[in-house]
Amino acid sequence: MIIVAVATKNEISEQQLHEFSIANPELGQLHYLETGIGKVNATFSLTRKITELPIDAVINLGTAGTTMLELQGKIINSTKFFQRDMDVTALGVPKYHTLYEDVTHETGIRVHAFQEYDCYTGDSFLTDTGDDIFPVIEMEAYAMAKVCSRLGIPFISLKYISDAANEEASETWVNSLTHVQTKLLDTLYKALDTIKA
């Protein structure tokens, strides 16, 4: 079974995934999971689901911000995930790296139909990034990638870049929710092809 995990039903609802699955039976059984917002919710929701069902792969769909304006309106595939609010540099550890962990970032599967950029996950909706460059900014993928990595489950992340992580980000993000569902659902064709390859 394949889990399609979203943070909120505003990005994709269970009914929308159900209707998409009925229209595309060749894609197989897709199980919907709404994790809730943030790393803790994502970790808990996904881990609980994995203990309940035999899972073959996890596909995380959703929205994200960026500091790279040319990416707005595009679907981005991330294969490297960093925890952007992890900062123990005072202890001599590079920024975004967790103290006492050898792994510097989590990983996911490449889907070649989409551009690839690193993802920076944190428990804040950014409207000011300062001088930092974040190609993909969101709030759950690092956590899900870590769960999947530790449990040996293939993980794919595909995000629609909805906003520029600036003072207009909240309004731009809300507006994107009126049209993002079809764009995200359509990515499942390529994602599932990648898993089956």
Protein backbone atom coordinates (compact mmCIF):
# COMPACT_ATOMS: atom_id res chain seq x y z
CA MET A 1 0.00 0.00 0.00
CA ILE A 2 1.13 3.53 -0.78
CA ILE A 3 0.44 6.44 1.55
CA VAL A 4 -0.27 9.87 0.09
CA ALA A 5 0.55 12.19 2.99
CA VAL A 6 -0.48 15.84 3.16
CA ALA A 7 -0.26 18.31 6.01
CA THR A 8 -3.79 19.63 5.62
CA LYS A 9 -6.92 18.74 3.70
CA ASN A 10 -6.79 22.24 2.21
CA GLU A 11 -3.94 20.99 0.01
CA ILE A 12 -5.66 17.72 -0.96
CA SER A 13 -8.73 16.26 0.71
CA GLU A 14 -9.46 12.58 1.27
CA GLN A 15 -12.44 12.87 -1.08
CA GLN A 16 -10.28 14.38 -3.83
CA LEU A 17 -7.75 11.53 -3.56
CA HIS A 18 -10.59 8.99 -3.52
CA GLU A 19 -12.12 10.42 -6.69
CA PHE A 20 -8.69 10.55 -8.36
CA SER A 21 -8.09 6.89 -7.45
CA ILE A 22 -11.45 5.81 -8.87
CA ALA A 23 -10.70 7.66 -12.11
CA ASN A 24 -7.24 6.03 -12.30
CA PRO A 25 -7.60 2.42 -11.04
CA GLU A 26 -4.37 1.43 -12.77
CA LEU A 27 -2.47 3.41 -10.13
CA GLY A 28 -3.37 0.89 -7.45
CA GLN A 29 -4.45 1.43 -3.86
CA LEU A 30 -3.61 4.86 -2.44
CA HIS A 31 -4.17 5.51 1.24
CA TYR A 32 -4.81 9.09 2.38
CA LEU A 33 -3.08 10.56 5.42
CA GLU A 34 -3.57 14.08 6.77
CA THR A 35 -0.68 14.52 9.19
CA GLY A 36 -1.42 17.93 10.63
CA ILE A 37 0.94 20.90 10.55
CA GLY A 38 4.54 20.73 11.76
CA LYS A 39 7.27 18.18 12.42
CA VAL A 40 5.83 16.61 15.57
CA ASN A 41 2.40 16.07 14.06
CA ALA A 42 3.96 14.65 10.89
CA THR A 43 6.20 12.27 12.84
CA PHE A 44 3.41 11.01 15.06
CA SER A 45 0.78 10.63 12.33
CA LEU A 46 3.04 8.84 9.88
CA THR A 47 4.61 6.53 12.49
CA ARG A 48 1.18 5.52 13.80
CA LYS A 49 -0.06 4.79 10.27
CA ILE A 50 3.00 2.68 9.49
CA THR A 51 2.35 0.56 12.59
CA GLU A 52 -1.25 -0.03 11.45
CA LEU A 53 -0.75 -0.90 7.76
CA PRO A 54 1.81 -2.66 5.54
CA ILE A 55 3.32 0.32 3.71
CA ASP A 56 5.28 0.04 0.44
CA ALA A 57 6.07 3.75 0.02
CA VAL A 58 5.13 7.25 1.20
CA ILE A 59 4.44 10.14 -1.18
CA ASN A 60 4.33 13.55 0.50
CA LEU A 61 2.41 16.16 -1.49
CA GLY A 62 1.87 19.75 -0.44
CA THR A 63 2.75 23.40 -0.75
CA ALA A 64 5.98 25.20 0.08
CA GLY A 65 7.61 28.59 -0.01
CA THR A 66 10.90 29.60 -1.60
CA THR A 67 13.48 32.36 -1.70
CA MET A 68 14.07 31.61 -5.39
CA LEU A 69 11.33 33.51 -7.17
CA GLU A 70 11.79 31.59 -10.42
CA LEU A 71 10.46 28.46 -8.69
CA GLN A 72 7.06 29.91 -7.80
CA GLY A 73 4.20 28.03 -9.46
CA LYS A 74 6.33 24.93 -10.12
CA ILE A 75 6.30 21.42 -8.68
CA ILE A 76 9.64 20.64 -7.03
CA ASN A 77 11.03 17.24 -6.09
CA SER A 78 13.33 17.29 -3.06
CA THR A 79 15.73 14.47 -2.27
CA LYS A 80 17.66 16.19 0.55
CA PHE A 81 15.89 17.44 3.65
CA PHE A 82 17.32 19.72 6.32
CA GLN A 83 15.89 20.77 9.68
CA ARG A 84 16.09 24.56 9.26
CA ASP A 85 15.30 25.39 12.89
CA MET A 86 17.99 23.10 14.28
CA ASP A 87 20.84 25.34 15.41
CA VAL A 88 23.49 24.06 17.82
CA THR A 89 26.33 25.98 16.20
CA ALA A 90 27.39 27.12 19.69
CA LEU A 91 28.50 23.52 20.25
CA GLY A 92 30.56 23.41 17.07
CA VAL A 93 27.95 21.66 14.92
CA PRO A 94 27.09 23.04 11.46
CA LYS A 95 23.76 24.80 11.17
CA TYR A 96 20.76 22.53 10.48
CA HIS A 97 22.63 19.44 11.76
CA THR A 98 21.51 17.57 14.88
CA LEU A 99 24.05 17.13 17.67
CA TYR A 100 25.40 13.56 17.99
CA GLU A 101 23.87 12.39 14.70
CA ASP A 102 26.16 11.30 11.87
CA VAL A 103 23.47 11.95 9.27
CA THR A 104 23.60 15.58 8.11
CA HIS A 105 20.32 15.44 6.19
CA GLU A 106 17.53 13.04 5.33
CA THR A 107 16.98 11.70 1.83
CA GLY A 108 14.19 10.88 -0.59
CA ILE A 109 13.71 9.40 -4.07
CA ARG A 110 14.39 11.35 -7.25
CA VAL A 111 11.47 11.83 -9.65
CA HIS A 112 13.13 13.00 -12.85
CA ALA A 113 10.04 14.62 -14.35
CA PHE A 114 10.43 17.52 -11.91
CA GLN A 115 13.19 19.95 -10.96
CA GLU A 116 15.18 18.98 -7.88
CA TYR A 117 16.03 21.33 -5.00
CA ASP A 118 16.87 20.86 -1.32
CA CYS A 119 14.06 21.17 1.22
CA TYR A 120 14.31 23.06 4.52
CA THR A 121 11.73 22.03 7.13
CA GLY A 122 10.89 23.96 10.29
CA ASP A 123 8.05 24.74 12.66
CA SER A 124 7.39 28.26 11.41
CA PHE A 125 5.67 29.85 8.43
CA LEU A 126 8.41 32.10 7.10
CA THR A 127 7.65 35.61 5.91
CA ASP A 128 11.23 36.86 6.26
CA THR A 129 14.25 34.68 5.53
CA GLY A 130 16.93 37.36 5.88
CA ASP A 131 19.93 36.48 3.74
CA ASP A 132 19.28 32.72 3.82
CA ILE A 133 18.64 30.92 0.54
CA PHE A 134 15.96 28.25 0.87
CA PRO A 135 14.83 26.68 -2.43
CA VAL A 136 12.00 24.80 -0.69
CA ILE A 137 10.62 25.90 2.69
CA GLU A 138 7.93 23.90 4.46
CA MET A 139 6.99 22.30 7.77
CA GLU A 140 6.76 18.47 7.56
CA ALA A 141 8.93 16.74 4.94
CA TYR A 142 12.14 16.40 7.00
CA ALA A 143 10.20 14.58 9.71
CA MET A 144 8.53 12.19 7.27
CA ALA A 145 11.79 11.54 5.44
CA LYS A 146 13.46 10.68 8.75
CA VAL A 147 10.71 8.25 9.76
CA CYS A 148 10.84 6.54 6.37
CA SER A 149 14.64 6.38 6.38
CA ARG A 150 14.77 4.77 9.81
CA LEU A 151 12.09 2.23 8.87
CA GLY A 152 13.39 1.47 5.37
CA ILE A 153 10.36 2.82 3.49
CA PRO A 154 10.79 4.63 0.14
CA PHE A 155 9.88 8.33 0.41
CA ILE A 156 8.99 10.85 -2.29
CA SER A 157 8.35 14.54 -1.73
CA LEU A 158 6.68 16.75 -4.35
CA LYS A 159 5.79 20.33 -3.43
CA TYR A 160 3.97 23.08 -5.27
CA ILE A 161 5.84 26.34 -4.66
CA SER A 162 3.07 28.66 -3.57
CA ASP A 163 4.81 31.71 -2.16
CA ALA A 164 8.05 33.67 -1.86
CA ALA A 165 8.41 33.44 1.95
CA ASN A 166 8.01 37.21 2.21
CA GLU A 167 5.52 39.63 3.73
CA GLU A 168 2.92 38.56 1.14
CA ALA A 169 3.43 34.83 1.75
CA SER A 170 0.36 34.18 3.89
CA GLU A 171 -2.01 35.74 1.35
CA THR A 172 -0.27 34.07 -1.59
CA TRP A 173 -0.38 30.68 0.12
CA VAL A 174 -4.09 30.95 0.92
CA ASN A 175 -4.83 31.96 -2.68
CA SER A 176 -2.87 28.97 -3.99
CA LEU A 177 -5.19 26.59 -2.17
CA THR A 178 -7.93 27.37 -4.68
CA HIS A 179 -6.11 25.66 -7.55
CA VAL A 180 -3.24 23.55 -6.23
CA GLN A 181 -5.09 20.24 -5.80
CA THR A 182 -5.17 19.20 -9.47
CA LYS A 183 -1.51 20.10 -9.95
CA LEU A 184 -0.50 17.99 -6.95
CA LEU A 185 -2.70 15.01 -7.83
CA ASP A 186 -1.31 14.95 -11.37
CA THR A 187 2.19 14.42 -9.95
CA LEU A 188 1.12 10.99 -8.72
CA TYR A 189 1.46 9.52 -12.23
CA LYS A 190 5.20 10.23 -12.33
CA ALA A 191 5.73 9.46 -8.64
CA LEU A 192 4.11 6.03 -8.92
CA ASP A 193 6.02 5.28 -12.14
CA THR A 194 9.22 6.01 -10.22
CA ILE A 195 8.26 3.71 -7.35
CA LYS A 196 7.37 0.86 -9.72
CA ALA A 197 10.53 1.25 -11.83
